[in-house]
Amino acid sequence: QVQLAESGGGLVQAGGSHGLSCTASGRTFSSYTMGWFRQAPGKEREFVAAITWSGGSRFFADSVKGRFTISRDDANTVYLHMNSLKPEDTAIYYCAIDSIPWRNSMPPMGAYDYWGQGAQVTVSS
C-alpha cells in the first residue's frame, strides 16, 4: 500500500524560512514527478511546485517563484524549502505523485495519483 508522509509543518514568522519533506513508501517512484500543493482556509487546493523524475525540471507557482525551492534526494523523498515566507503562505501543504512515469512536462493537478495527509504551515505576521 502506497503511503506519503509529510513532515516539518509548524509555525514560522513572516520573513523566515522553513522546510518540508515527504517520503513515500510502498513502492519505488524514481520515474515519477513529485509535487507540492497547498490549501488555505476557505480556498481551493493549488499547485505550489513540482520536480520531474530526473530532477532536471522544476516548476513553481508564480506566487512562490524565487522564494521556494524543490528537490528530491532519492526515489521516494521530496523536499520543499520555503524562504521569505508571508502570512498568505499559511496553508496545509500536501505532497503528491504523478500517475504517468517519465513525464518531463508539468503534470496537471488531476494527474497526481497519490497524496499525503498534509502538513500545516502557519506564517505569523
PDB file of N, CA and C in Angstrom:
ATOM      1  N   GLN A   1       0.844  -1.190   0.000  1.00  0.00           N
ATOM      2  CA  GLN A   1       0.000   0.000   0.000  1.00  0.00           C
ATOM      3  C   GLN A   1       0.877   1.237   0.000  1.00  0.00           C
ATOM      4  N   VAL A   2       0.591   2.142  -0.923  1.00  0.00           N
ATOM      5  CA  VAL A   2       1.373   3.360  -1.026  1.00  0.00           C
ATOM      6  C   VAL A   2       0.923   4.362   0.033  1.00  0.00           C
ATOM      7  N   GLN A   3       1.903   4.946   0.693  1.00  0.00           N
ATOM      8  CA  GLN A   3       1.618   5.997   1.666  1.00  0.00           C
ATOM      9  C   GLN A   3       2.622   7.123   1.479  1.00  0.00           C
ATOM     10  N   LEU A   4       2.144   8.350   1.632  1.00  0.00           N
ATOM     11  CA  LEU A   4       3.005   9.515   1.595  1.00  0.00           C
ATOM     12  C   LEU A   4       2.913  10.202   2.951  1.00  0.00           C
ATOM     13  N   ALA A   5       4.058  10.509   3.519  1.00  0.00           N
ATOM     14  CA  ALA A   5       4.078  11.128   4.838  1.00  0.00           C
ATOM     15  C   ALA A   5       4.862  12.427   4.790  1.00  0.00           C
ATOM     16  N   GLU A   6       4.153  13.540   5.016  1.00  0.00           N
ATOM     17  CA  GLU A   6       4.818  14.835   5.092  1.00  0.00           C
ATOM     18  C   GLU A   6       5.303  15.079   6.513  1.00  0.00           C
ATOM     19  N   SER A   7       6.388  15.822   6.624  1.00  0.00           N
ATOM     20  CA  SER A   7       6.873  16.233   7.931  1.00  0.00           C
ATOM     21  C   SER A   7       7.472  17.623   7.832  1.00  0.00           C
ATOM     22  N   GLY A   8       7.494  18.312   8.974  1.00  0.00           N
ATOM     23  CA  GLY A   8       8.113  19.631   9.018  1.00  0.00           C
ATOM     24  C   GLY A   8       7.142  20.774   9.177  1.00  0.00           C
ATOM     25  N   GLY A   9       5.876  20.486   9.273  1.00  0.00           N
ATOM     26  CA  GLY A   9       4.919  21.564   9.467  1.00  0.00           C
ATOM     27  C   GLY A   9       5.180  22.312  10.762  1.00  0.00           C
ATOM     28  N   GLY A  10       4.736  23.570  10.828  1.00  0.00           N
ATOM     29  CA  GLY A  10       4.933  24.323  12.053  1.00  0.00           C
ATOM     30  C   GLY A  10       4.576  25.777  11.910  1.00  0.00           C
ATOM     31  N   LEU A  11       4.959  26.551  12.918  1.00  0.00           N
ATOM     32  CA  LEU A  11       4.691  27.982  12.971  1.00  0.00           C
ATOM     33  C   LEU A  11       5.976  28.743  12.680  1.00  0.00           C
ATOM     34  N   VAL A  12       5.890  29.692  11.759  1.00  0.00           N
ATOM     35  CA  VAL A  12       7.065  30.451  11.325  1.00  0.00           C
ATOM     36  C   VAL A  12       6.704  31.934  11.297  1.00  0.00           C
ATOM     37  N   GLN A  13       7.678  32.763  11.590  1.00  0.00           N
ATOM     38  CA  GLN A  13       7.442  34.204  11.488  1.00  0.00           C
ATOM     39  C   GLN A  13       7.589  34.659  10.046  1.00  0.00           C
ATOM     40  N   ALA A  14       6.833  35.659   9.683  1.00  0.00           N
ATOM     41  CA  ALA A  14       6.935  36.238   8.346  1.00  0.00           C
ATOM     42  C   ALA A  14       8.379  36.655   8.074  1.00  0.00           C
ATOM     43  N   GLY A  15       8.821  36.365   6.875  1.00  0.00           N
ATOM     44  CA  GLY A  15      10.190  36.678   6.501  1.00  0.00           C
ATOM     45  C   GLY A  15      11.162  35.556   6.775  1.00  0.00           C
ATOM     46  N   GLY A  16      10.711  34.558   7.509  1.00  0.00           N
ATOM     47  CA  GLY A  16      11.565  33.440   7.856  1.00  0.00           C
ATOM     48  C   GLY A  16      11.563  32.348   6.812  1.00  0.00           C
ATOM     49  N   SER A  17      12.273  31.278   7.133  1.00  0.00           N
ATOM     50  CA  SER A  17      12.405  30.128   6.241  1.00  0.00           C
ATOM     51  C   SER A  17      11.920  28.868   6.953  1.00  0.00           C
ATOM     52  N   HIS A  18      11.534  27.922   6.142  1.00  0.00           N
ATOM     53  CA  HIS A  18      11.042  26.654   6.706  1.00  0.00           C
ATOM     54  C   HIS A  18      11.110  25.593   5.640  1.00  0.00           C
ATOM     55  N   GLY A  19      11.262  24.332   6.091  1.00  0.00           N
ATOM     56  CA  GLY A  19      11.341  23.242   5.147  1.00  0.00           C
ATOM     57  C   GLY A  19      10.353  22.134   5.441  1.00  0.00           C
ATOM     58  N   LEU A  20       9.879  21.511   4.388  1.00  0.00           N
ATOM     59  CA  LEU A  20       9.005  20.350   4.477  1.00  0.00           C
ATOM     60  C   LEU A  20       9.661  19.189   3.746  1.00  0.00           C
ATOM     61  N   SER A  21       9.377  17.993   4.198  1.00  0.00           N
ATOM     62  CA  SER A  21       9.816  16.812   3.474  1.00  0.00           C
ATOM     63  C   SER A  21       8.643  15.855   3.352  1.00  0.00           C
ATOM     64  N   CYS A  22       8.757  14.982   2.386  1.00  0.00           N
ATOM     65  CA  CYS A  22       7.709  13.998   2.136  1.00  0.00           C
ATOM     66  C   CYS A  22       8.365  12.716   1.666  1.00  0.00           C
ATOM     67  N   THR A  23       8.047  11.639   2.309  1.00  0.00           N
ATOM     68  CA  THR A  23       8.589  10.339   1.933  1.00  0.00           C
ATOM     69  C   THR A  23       7.464   9.386   1.587  1.00  0.00           C
ATOM     70  N   ALA A  24       7.622   8.757   0.451  1.00  0.00           N
ATOM     71  CA  ALA A  24       6.641   7.777   0.006  1.00  0.00           C
ATOM     72  C   ALA A  24       7.113   6.370   0.357  1.00  0.00           C
ATOM     73  N   SER A  25       6.197   5.516   0.623  1.00  0.00           N
ATOM     74  CA  SER A  25       6.512   4.122   0.913  1.00  0.00           C
ATOM     75  C   SER A  25       5.538   3.230   0.178  1.00  0.00           C
ATOM     76  N   GLY A  26       5.917   1.974   0.020  1.00  0.00           N
ATOM     77  CA  GLY A  26       5.037   1.016  -0.623  1.00  0.00           C
ATOM     78  C   GLY A  26       5.481   0.602  -2.009  1.00  0.00           C
ATOM     79  N   ARG A  27       6.218   1.461  -2.688  1.00  0.00           N
ATOM     80  CA  ARG A  27       6.807   1.142  -3.989  1.00  0.00           C
ATOM     81  C   ARG A  27       7.812   2.223  -4.321  1.00  0.00           C
ATOM     82  N   THR A  28       8.535   2.045  -5.403  1.00  0.00           N
ATOM     83  CA  THR A  28       9.553   3.000  -5.815  1.00  0.00           C
ATOM     84  C   THR A  28       8.979   3.976  -6.832  1.00  0.00           C
ATOM     85  N   PHE A  29       9.308   5.265  -6.634  1.00  0.00           N
ATOM     86  CA  PHE A  29       8.772   6.303  -7.513  1.00  0.00           C
ATOM     87  C   PHE A  29       9.868   7.073  -8.239  1.00  0.00           C
ATOM     88  N   SER A  30      10.960   6.406  -8.521  1.00  0.00           N
ATOM     89  CA  SER A  30      12.089   7.089  -9.146  1.00  0.00           C
ATOM     90  C   SER A  30      11.767   7.614 -10.540  1.00  0.00           C
ATOM     91  N   SER A  31      10.751   7.092 -11.204  1.00  0.00           N
ATOM     92  CA  SER A  31      10.432   7.528 -12.557  1.00  0.00           C
ATOM     93  C   SER A  31       9.217   8.461 -12.615  1.00  0.00           C
ATOM     94  N   TYR A  32       8.836   9.018 -11.475  1.00  0.00           N
ATOM     95  CA  TYR A  32       7.637   9.842 -11.411  1.00  0.00           C
ATOM     96  C   TYR A  32       7.924  11.244 -10.880  1.00  0.00           C
ATOM     97  N   THR A  33       7.205  12.203 -11.439  1.00  0.00           N
ATOM     98  CA  THR A  33       7.248  13.564 -10.903  1.00  0.00           C
ATOM     99  C   THR A  33       6.609  13.592  -9.521  1.00  0.00           C
ATOM    100  N   MET A  34       7.227  14.375  -8.643  1.00  0.00           N
ATOM    101  CA  MET A  34       6.657  14.580  -7.310  1.00  0.00           C
ATOM    102  C   MET A  34       6.369  16.062  -7.139  1.00  0.00           C
ATOM    103  N   GLY A  35       5.268  16.368  -6.481  1.00  0.00           N
ATOM    104  CA  GLY A  35       4.870  17.760  -6.372  1.00  0.00           C
ATOM    105  C   GLY A  35       4.367  18.142  -5.003  1.00  0.00           C
ATOM    106  N   TRP A  36       4.232  19.444  -4.813  1.00  0.00           N
ATOM    107  CA  TRP A  36       3.669  20.016  -3.596  1.00  0.00           C
ATOM    108  C   TRP A  36       2.473  20.892  -3.961  1.00  0.00           C
ATOM    109  N   PHE A  37       1.446  20.794  -3.164  1.00  0.00           N
ATOM    110  CA  PHE A  37       0.253  21.610  -3.299  1.00  0.00           C
ATOM    111  C   PHE A  37      -0.072  22.196  -1.927  1.00  0.00           C
ATOM    112  N   ARG A  38      -0.966  23.166  -1.897  1.00  0.00           N
ATOM    113  CA  ARG A  38      -1.377  23.710  -0.601  1.00  0.00           C
ATOM    114  C   ARG A  38      -2.834  24.137  -0.662  1.00  0.00           C
ATOM    115  N   GLN A  39      -3.430  24.179   0.498  1.00  0.00           N
ATOM    116  CA  GLN A  39      -4.815  24.617   0.600  1.00  0.00           C
ATOM    117  C   GLN A  39      -4.958  25.502   1.824  1.00  0.00           C
ATOM    118  N   ALA A  40      -5.308  26.750   1.581  1.00  0.00           N
ATOM    119  CA  ALA A  40      -5.537  27.698   2.657  1.00  0.00           C
ATOM    120  C   ALA A  40      -7.004  27.636   3.078  1.00  0.00           C
ATOM    121  N   PRO A  41      -7.322  28.065   4.293  1.00  0.00           N
ATOM    122  CA  PRO A  41      -8.713  28.034   4.745  1.00  0.00           C
ATOM    123  C   PRO A  41      -9.641  28.780   3.798  1.00  0.00           C
ATOM    124  N   GLY A  42     -10.707  28.124   3.406  1.00  0.00           N
ATOM    125  CA  GLY A  42     -11.690  28.748   2.542  1.00  0.00           C
ATOM    126  C   GLY A  42     -11.297  28.842   1.085  1.00  0.00           C
ATOM    127  N   LYS A  43     -10.175  28.250   0.742  1.00  0.00           N
ATOM    128  CA  LYS A  43      -9.703  28.320  -0.646  1.00  0.00           C
ATOM    129  C   LYS A  43      -9.520  26.924  -1.217  1.00  0.00           C
ATOM    130  N   GLU A  44      -9.435  26.864  -2.539  1.00  0.00           N
ATOM    131  CA  GLU A  44      -9.214  25.583  -3.201  1.00  0.00           C
ATOM    132  C   GLU A  44      -7.739  25.200  -3.128  1.00  0.00           C
ATOM    133  N   ARG A  45      -7.508  23.911  -3.245  1.00  0.00           N
ATOM    134  CA  ARG A  45      -6.136  23.432  -3.281  1.00  0.00           C
ATOM    135  C   ARG A  45      -5.448  23.973  -4.533  1.00  0.00           C
ATOM    136  N   GLU A  46      -4.197  24.399  -4.375  1.00  0.00           N
ATOM    137  CA  GLU A  46      -3.467  24.972  -5.503  1.00  0.00           C
ATOM    138  C   GLU A  46      -2.077  24.373  -5.610  1.00  0.00           C
ATOM    139  N   PHE A  47      -1.581  24.408  -6.818  1.00  0.00           N
ATOM    140  CA  PHE A  47      -0.239  23.915  -7.101  1.00  0.00           C
ATOM    141  C   PHE A  47       0.800  24.850  -6.491  1.00  0.00           C
ATOM    142  N   VAL A  48       1.883  24.261  -5.973  1.00  0.00           N
ATOM    143  CA  VAL A  48       2.988  25.045  -5.436  1.00  0.00           C
ATOM    144  C   VAL A  48       4.267  24.801  -6.233  1.00  0.00           C
ATOM    145  N   ALA A  49       4.676  23.542  -6.333  1.00  0.00           N
ATOM    146  CA  ALA A  49       5.934  23.230  -7.012  1.00  0.00           C
ATOM    147  C   ALA A  49       5.946  21.755  -7.392  1.00  0.00           C
ATOM    148  N   ALA A  50       6.764  21.426  -8.387  1.00  0.00           N
ATOM    149  CA  ALA A  50       6.919  20.038  -8.795  1.00  0.00           C
ATOM    150  C   ALA A  50       8.325  19.833  -9.327  1.00  0.00           C
ATOM    151  N   ILE A  51       8.789  18.598  -9.224  1.00  0.00           N
ATOM    152  CA  ILE A  51      10.109  18.239  -9.738  1.00  0.00           C
ATOM    153  C   ILE A  51       9.969  16.932 -10.492  1.00  0.00           C
ATOM    154  N   THR A  52      10.533  16.887 -11.696  1.00  0.00           N
ATOM    155  CA  THR A  52      10.398  15.692 -12.523  1.00  0.00           C
ATOM    156  C   THR A  52      11.229  14.528 -11.996  1.00  0.00           C
ATOM    157  N   TRP A  53      11.013  13.369 -12.580  1.00  0.00           N
ATOM    158  CA  TRP A  53      11.637  12.129 -12.117  1.00  0.00           C
ATOM    159  C   TRP A  53      13.158  12.236 -12.077  1.00  0.00           C
ATOM    160  N   SER A  54      13.732  12.965 -13.045  1.00  0.00           N
ATOM    161  CA  SER A  54      15.188  13.076 -13.118  1.00  0.00           C
ATOM    162  C   SER A  54      15.726  14.234 -12.292  1.00  0.00           C
ATOM    163  N   GLY A  55      14.812  15.089 -11.829  1.00  0.00           N
ATOM    164  CA  GLY A  55      15.247  16.310 -11.162  1.00  0.00           C
ATOM    165  C   GLY A  55      15.675  17.379 -12.136  1.00  0.00           C
ATOM    166  N   GLY A  56      15.566  17.090 -13.433  1.00  0.00           N
ATOM    167  CA  GLY A  56      16.040  18.024 -14.435  1.00  0.00           C
ATOM    168  C   GLY A  56      15.130  19.210 -14.666  1.00  0.00           C
ATOM    169  N   SER A  57      13.880  19.079 -14.306  1.00  0.00           N
ATOM    170  CA  SER A  57      12.933  20.186 -14.472  1.00  0.00           C
ATOM    171  C   SER A  57      12.190  20.423 -13.171  1.00  0.00           C
ATOM    172  N   ARG A  58      12.032  21.694 -12.868  1.00  0.00           N
ATOM    173  CA  ARG A  58      11.291  22.108 -11.680  1.00  0.00           C
ATOM    174  C   ARG A  58      10.268  23.155 -12.099  1.00  0.00           C
ATOM    175  N   PHE A  59       9.116  23.113 -11.496  1.00  0.00           N
ATOM    176  CA  PHE A  59       8.031  24.019 -11.833  1.00  0.00           C
ATOM    177  C   PHE A  59       7.535  24.677 -10.543  1.00  0.00           C
ATOM    178  N   PHE A  60       7.186  25.940 -10.658  1.00  0.00           N
ATOM    179  CA  PHE A  60       6.726  26.694  -9.491  1.00  0.00           C
ATOM    180  C   PHE A  60       5.527  27.553  -9.830  1.00  0.00           C
ATOM    181  N   ALA A  61       4.648  27.704  -8.870  1.00  0.00           N
ATOM    182  CA  ALA A  61       3.571  28.673  -9.000  1.00  0.00           C
ATOM    183  C   ALA A  61       4.174  30.072  -8.961  1.00  0.00           C
ATOM    184  N   ASP A  62       3.546  30.991  -9.663  1.00  0.00           N
ATOM    185  CA  ASP A  62       4.057  32.365  -9.696  1.00  0.00           C
ATOM    186  C   ASP A  62       4.154  32.956  -8.291  1.00  0.00           C
ATOM    187  N   SER A  63       3.246  32.564  -7.422  1.00  0.00           N
ATOM    188  CA  SER A  63       3.196  33.146  -6.078  1.00  0.00           C
ATOM    189  C   SER A  63       4.392  32.748  -5.219  1.00  0.00           C
ATOM    190  N   VAL A  64       5.096  31.692  -5.601  1.00  0.00           N
ATOM    191  CA  VAL A  64       6.227  31.237  -4.787  1.00  0.00           C
ATOM    192  C   VAL A  64       7.548  31.272  -5.544  1.00  0.00           C
ATOM    193  N   LYS A  65       7.493  31.597  -6.817  1.00  0.00           N
ATOM    194  CA  LYS A  65       8.702  31.607  -7.639  1.00  0.00           C
ATOM    195  C   LYS A  65       9.724  32.575  -7.056  1.00  0.00           C
ATOM    196  N   GLY A  66      10.950  32.102  -6.935  1.00  0.00           N
ATOM    197  CA  GLY A  66      12.005  32.930  -6.375  1.00  0.00           C
ATOM    198  C   GLY A  66      12.108  32.845  -4.862  1.00  0.00           C
ATOM    199  N   ARG A  67      11.105  32.262  -4.218  1.00  0.00           N
ATOM    200  CA  ARG A  67      11.130  32.132  -2.752  1.00  0.00           C
ATOM    201  C   ARG A  67      11.205  30.679  -2.308  1.00  0.00           C
ATOM    202  N   PHE A  68      10.582  29.773  -3.063  1.00  0.00           N
ATOM    203  CA  PHE A  68      10.548  28.359  -2.708  1.00  0.00           C
ATOM    204  C   PHE A  68      11.458  27.577  -3.641  1.00  0.00           C
ATOM    205  N   THR A  69      12.046  26.514  -3.116  1.00  0.00           N
ATOM    206  CA  THR A  69      12.789  25.574  -3.944  1.00  0.00           C
ATOM    207  C   THR A  69      12.287  24.164  -3.664  1.00  0.00           C
ATOM    208  N   ILE A  70      12.466  23.289  -4.646  1.00  0.00           N
ATOM    209  CA  ILE A  70      12.049  21.897  -4.511  1.00  0.00           C
ATOM    210  C   ILE A  70      13.214  21.017  -4.913  1.00  0.00           C
ATOM    211  N   SER A  71      13.370  19.920  -4.210  1.00  0.00           N
ATOM    212  CA  SER A  71      14.438  18.978  -4.545  1.00  0.00           C
ATOM    213  C   SER A  71      13.992  17.580  -4.146  1.00  0.00           C
ATOM    214  N   ARG A  72      14.726  16.597  -4.640  1.00  0.00           N
ATOM    215  CA  ARG A  72      14.479  15.217  -4.246  1.00  0.00           C
ATOM    216  C   ARG A  72      15.836  14.549  -4.115  1.00  0.00           C
ATOM    217  N   ASP A  73      16.019  13.719  -3.123  1.00  0.00           N
ATOM    218  CA  ASP A  73      17.348  13.150  -2.907  1.00  0.00           C
ATOM    219  C   ASP A  73      17.412  11.660  -3.207  1.00  0.00           C
ATOM    220  N   ASP A  74      16.268  11.045  -3.466  1.00  0.00           N
ATOM    221  CA  ASP A  74      16.258   9.650  -3.881  1.00  0.00           C
ATOM    222  C   ASP A  74      14.930   9.365  -4.555  1.00  0.00           C
ATOM    223  N   ALA A  75      14.602   8.144  -4.716  1.00  0.00           N
ATOM    224  CA  ALA A  75      13.401   7.812  -5.467  1.00  0.00           C
ATOM    225  C   ALA A  75      12.126   8.266  -4.782  1.00  0.00           C
ATOM    226  N   ASN A  76      12.142   8.328  -3.459  1.00  0.00           N
ATOM    227  CA  ASN A  76      10.868   8.469  -2.758  1.00  0.00           C
ATOM    228  C   ASN A  76      10.765   9.637  -1.804  1.00  0.00           C
ATOM    229  N   THR A  77      11.730  10.545  -1.805  1.00  0.00           N
ATOM    230  CA  THR A  77      11.677  11.671  -0.884  1.00  0.00           C
ATOM    231  C   THR A  77      11.783  12.989  -1.646  1.00  0.00           C
ATOM    232  N   VAL A  78      10.895  13.898  -1.318  1.00  0.00           N
ATOM    233  CA  VAL A  78      10.897  15.216  -1.945  1.00  0.00           C
ATOM    234  C   VAL A  78      10.875  16.271  -0.843  1.00  0.00           C
ATOM    235  N   TYR A  79      11.542  17.385  -1.116  1.00  0.00           N
ATOM    236  CA  TYR A  79      11.648  18.462  -0.148  1.00  0.00           C
ATOM    237  C   TYR A  79      11.085  19.754  -0.728  1.00  0.00           C
ATOM    238  N   LEU A  80      10.566  20.569   0.141  1.00  0.00           N
ATOM    239  CA  LEU A  80      10.158  21.923  -0.237  1.00  0.00           C
ATOM    240  C   LEU A  80      10.801  22.874   0.757  1.00  0.00           C
ATOM    241  N   HIS A  81      11.657  23.745   0.253  1.00  0.00           N
ATOM    242  CA  HIS A  81      12.281  24.728   1.135  1.00  0.00           C
ATOM    243  C   HIS A  81      11.682  26.092   0.837  1.00  0.00           C
ATOM    244  N   MET A  82      11.189  26.732   1.868  1.00  0.00           N
ATOM    245  CA  MET A  82      10.440  27.973   1.719  1.00  0.00           C
ATOM    246  C   MET A  82      11.196  29.124   2.384  1.00  0.00           C
ATOM    247  N   ASN A  83      11.463  30.159   1.607  1.00  0.00           N
ATOM    248  CA  ASN A  83      12.144  31.345   2.113  1.00  0.00           C
ATOM    249  C   ASN A  83      11.211  32.546   2.020  1.00  0.00           C
ATOM    250  N   SER A  84      11.563  33.593   2.738  1.00  0.00           N
ATOM    251  CA  SER A  84      10.804  34.852   2.705  1.00  0.00           C
ATOM    252  C   SER A  84       9.305  34.595   2.843  1.00  0.00           C
ATOM    253  N   LEU A  85       8.962  33.818   3.825  1.00  0.00           N
ATOM    254  CA  LEU A  85       7.572  33.418   3.999  1.00  0.00           C
ATOM    255  C   LEU A  85       6.668  34.596   4.326  1.00  0.00           C
ATOM    256  N   LYS A  86       5.452  34.520   3.827  1.00  0.00           N
ATOM    257  CA  LYS A  86       4.450  35.561   4.017  1.00  0.00           C
ATOM    258  C   LYS A  86       3.240  34.956   4.711  1.00  0.00           C
ATOM    259  N   PRO A  87       2.462  35.763   5.394  1.00  0.00           N
ATOM    260  CA  PRO A  87       1.246  35.227   6.020  1.00  0.00           C
ATOM    261  C   PRO A  87       0.341  34.516   5.030  1.00  0.00           C
ATOM    262  N   GLU A  88       0.329  34.962   3.780  1.00  0.00           N
ATOM    263  CA  GLU A  88      -0.522  34.310   2.780  1.00  0.00           C
ATOM    264  C   GLU A  88       0.005  32.944   2.348  1.00  0.00           C
ATOM    265  N   ASP A  89       1.166  32.550   2.816  1.00  0.00           N
ATOM    266  CA  ASP A  89       1.662  31.192   2.581  1.00  0.00           C
ATOM    267  C   ASP A  89       1.086  30.201   3.585  1.00  0.00           C
ATOM    268  N   THR A  90       0.345  30.707   4.555  1.00  0.00           N
ATOM    269  CA  THR A  90      -0.281  29.830   5.545  1.00  0.00           C
ATOM    270  C   THR A  90      -1.262  28.895   4.859  1.00  0.00           C
ATOM    271  N   ALA A  91      -1.061  27.593   5.088  1.00  0.00           N
ATOM    272  CA  ALA A  91      -1.905  26.597   4.420  1.00  0.00           C
ATOM    273  C   ALA A  91      -1.523  25.209   4.923  1.00  0.00           C
ATOM    274  N   ILE A  92      -2.324  24.253   4.529  1.00  0.00           N
ATOM    275  CA  ILE A  92      -1.924  22.853   4.671  1.00  0.00           C
ATOM    276  C   ILE A  92      -1.201  22.484   3.382  1.00  0.00           C
ATOM    277  N   TYR A  93      -0.011  21.961   3.520  1.00  0.00           N
ATOM    278  CA  TYR A  93       0.814  21.595   2.374  1.00  0.00           C
ATOM    279  C   TYR A  93       0.762  20.077   2.160  1.00  0.00           C
ATOM    280  N   TYR A  94       0.476  19.689   0.923  1.00  0.00           N
ATOM    281  CA  TYR A  94       0.355  18.289   0.561  1.00  0.00           C
ATOM    282  C   TYR A  94       1.418  17.921  -0.473  1.00  0.00           C
ATOM    283  N   CYS A  95       1.999  16.746  -0.329  1.00  0.00           N
ATOM    284  CA  CYS A  95       2.838  16.237  -1.404  1.00  0.00           C
ATOM    285  C   CYS A  95       2.017  15.233  -2.208  1.00  0.00           C
ATOM    286  N   ALA A  96       2.423  15.044  -3.444  1.00  0.00           N
ATOM    287  CA  ALA A  96       1.679  14.167  -4.333  1.00  0.00           C
ATOM    288  C   ALA A  96       2.608  13.591  -5.389  1.00  0.00           C
ATOM    289  N   ILE A  97       2.191  12.489  -5.992  1.00  0.00           N
ATOM    290  CA  ILE A  97       2.996  11.813  -7.003  1.00  0.00           C
ATOM    291  C   ILE A  97       2.197  11.653  -8.281  1.00  0.00           C
ATOM    292  N   ASP A  98       2.827  11.983  -9.376  1.00  0.00           N
ATOM    293  CA  ASP A  98       2.222  11.897 -10.701  1.00  0.00           C
ATOM    294  C   ASP A  98       1.867  10.456 -11.050  1.00  0.00           C
ATOM    295  N   SER A  99       0.866  10.285 -11.886  1.00  0.00           N
ATOM    296  CA  SER A  99       0.447   8.946 -12.286  1.00  0.00           C
ATOM    297  C   SER A  99       1.166   8.440 -13.529  1.00  0.00           C
ATOM    298  N   ILE A 100       1.836   9.328 -14.258  1.00  0.00           N
ATOM    299  CA  ILE A 100       2.483   8.978 -15.524  1.00  0.00           C
ATOM    300  C   ILE A 100       4.002   8.989 -15.331  1.00  0.00           C
ATOM    301  N   PRO A 101       4.672   7.890 -15.615  1.00  0.00           N
ATOM    302  CA  PRO A 101       6.129   7.859 -15.460  1.00  0.00           C
ATOM    303  C   PRO A 101       6.835   8.579 -16.599  1.00  0.00           C
ATOM    304  N   TRP A 102       8.053   8.977 -16.334  1.00  0.00           N
ATOM    305  CA  TRP A 102       8.942   9.554 -17.337  1.00  0.00           C
ATOM    306  C   TRP A 102       8.420  10.850 -17.956  1.00  0.00           C
ATOM    307  N   ARG A 103       7.528  11.522 -17.287  1.00  0.00           N
ATOM    308  CA  ARG A 103       6.994  12.783 -17.810  1.00  0.00           C
ATOM    309  C   ARG A 103       8.014  13.890 -17.579  1.00  0.00           C
ATOM    310  N   ASN A 104       8.223  14.732 -18.580  1.00  0.00           N
ATOM    311  CA  ASN A 104       9.160  15.851 -18.449  1.00  0.00           C
ATOM    312  C   ASN A 104       8.465  17.207 -18.456  1.00  0.00           C
ATOM    313  N   SER A 105       7.163  17.205 -18.598  1.00  0.00           N
ATOM    314  CA  SER A 105       6.410  18.445 -18.530  1.00  0.00           C
ATOM    315  C   SER A 105       5.665  18.503 -17.199  1.00  0.00           C
ATOM    316  N   MET A 106       5.075  19.653 -16.900  1.00  0.00           N
ATOM    317  CA  MET A 106       4.384  19.798 -15.624  1.00  0.00           C
ATOM    318  C   MET A 106       3.046  19.063 -15.661  1.00  0.00           C
ATOM    319  N   PRO A 107       2.815  18.146 -14.755  1.00  0.00           N
ATOM    320  CA  PRO A 107       1.549  17.416 -14.756  1.00  0.00           C
ATOM    321  C   PRO A 107       0.398  18.304 -14.293  1.00  0.00           C
ATOM    322  N   PRO A 108      -0.791  18.119 -14.851  1.00  0.00           N
ATOM    323  CA  PRO A 108      -1.961  18.811 -14.302  1.00  0.00           C
ATOM    324  C   PRO A 108      -2.296  18.230 -12.940  1.00  0.00           C
ATOM    325  N   MET A 109      -2.994  19.002 -12.122  1.00  0.00           N
ATOM    326  CA  MET A 109      -3.305  18.545 -10.776  1.00  0.00           C
ATOM    327  C   MET A 109      -4.040  17.221 -10.785  1.00  0.00           C
ATOM    328  N   GLY A 110      -4.912  17.053 -11.748  1.00  0.00           N
ATOM    329  CA  GLY A 110      -5.704  15.839 -11.815  1.00  0.00           C
ATOM    330  C   GLY A 110      -4.909  14.590 -12.142  1.00  0.00           C
ATOM    331  N   ALA A 111      -3.658  14.761 -12.547  1.00  0.00           N
ATOM    332  CA  ALA A 111      -2.829  13.618 -12.926  1.00  0.00           C
ATOM    333  C   ALA A 111      -2.122  12.983 -11.732  1.00  0.00           C
ATOM    334  N   TYR A 112      -2.188  13.651 -10.597  1.00  0.00           N
ATOM    335  CA  TYR A 112      -1.493  13.117  -9.421  1.00  0.00           C
ATOM    336  C   TYR A 112      -2.329  11.996  -8.792  1.00  0.00           C
ATOM    337  N   ASP A 113      -1.660  10.866  -8.614  1.00  0.00           N
ATOM    338  CA  ASP A 113      -2.340   9.667  -8.151  1.00  0.00           C
ATOM    339  C   ASP A 113      -2.385   9.531  -6.640  1.00  0.00           C
ATOM    340  N   TYR A 114      -1.282   9.810  -6.008  1.00  0.00           N
ATOM    341  CA  TYR A 114      -1.139   9.580  -4.580  1.00  0.00           C
ATOM    342  C   TYR A 114      -0.920  10.903  -3.865  1.00  0.00           C
ATOM    343  N   TRP A 115      -1.548  11.023  -2.693  1.00  0.00           N
ATOM    344  CA  TRP A 115      -1.491  12.252  -1.913  1.00  0.00           C
ATOM    345  C   TRP A 115      -1.167  11.949  -0.452  1.00  0.00           C
ATOM    346  N   GLY A 116      -0.440  12.860   0.155  1.00  0.00           N
ATOM    347  CA  GLY A 116      -0.194  12.753   1.585  1.00  0.00           C
ATOM    348  C   GLY A 116      -1.348  13.350   2.370  1.00  0.00           C
ATOM    349  N   GLN A 117      -1.246  13.251   3.683  1.00  0.00           N
ATOM    350  CA  GLN A 117      -2.294  13.752   4.567  1.00  0.00           C
ATOM    351  C   GLN A 117      -2.175  15.253   4.823  1.00  0.00           C
ATOM    352  N   GLY A 118      -1.027  15.806   4.525  1.00  0.00           N
ATOM    353  CA  GLY A 118      -0.867  17.248   4.679  1.00  0.00           C
ATOM    354  C   GLY A 118      -0.110  17.641   5.926  1.00  0.00           C
ATOM    355  N   ALA A 119       0.554  18.787   5.833  1.00  0.00           N
ATOM    356  CA  ALA A 119       1.298  19.362   6.958  1.00  0.00           C
ATOM    357  C   ALA A 119       0.944  20.837   7.055  1.00  0.00           C
ATOM    358  N   GLN A 120       0.543  21.256   8.240  1.00  0.00           N
ATOM    359  CA  GLN A 120       0.131  22.650   8.437  1.00  0.00           C
ATOM    360  C   GLN A 120       1.360  23.547   8.564  1.00  0.00           C
ATOM    361  N   VAL A 121       1.371  24.601   7.775  1.00  0.00           N
ATOM    362  CA  VAL A 121       2.385  25.645   7.905  1.00  0.00           C
ATOM    363  C   VAL A 121       1.655  26.952   8.181  1.00  0.00           C
ATOM    364  N   THR A 122       1.985  27.573   9.274  1.00  0.00           N
ATOM    365  CA  THR A 122       1.360  28.834   9.659  1.00  0.00           C
ATOM    366  C   THR A 122       2.426  29.914   9.730  1.00  0.00           C
ATOM    367  N   VAL A 123       2.210  30.997   9.006  1.00  0.00           N
ATOM    368  CA  VAL A 123       3.159  32.098   8.982  1.00  0.00           C
ATOM    369  C   VAL A 123       2.532  33.270   9.725  1.00  0.00           C
ATOM    370  N   SER A 124       3.167  33.666  10.802  1.00  0.00           N
ATOM    371  CA  SER A 124       2.633  34.767  11.612  1.00  0.00           C
ATOM    372  C   SER A 124       3.242  36.086  11.185  1.00  0.00           C
ATOM    373  N   SER A 125       2.435  37.125  11.232  1.00  0.00           N
ATOM    374  CA  SER A 125       2.911  38.456  10.808  1.00  0.00           C
ATOM    375  C   SER A 125       3.518  39.215  11.981  1.00  0.00           C
TER     376      SER A 125
END
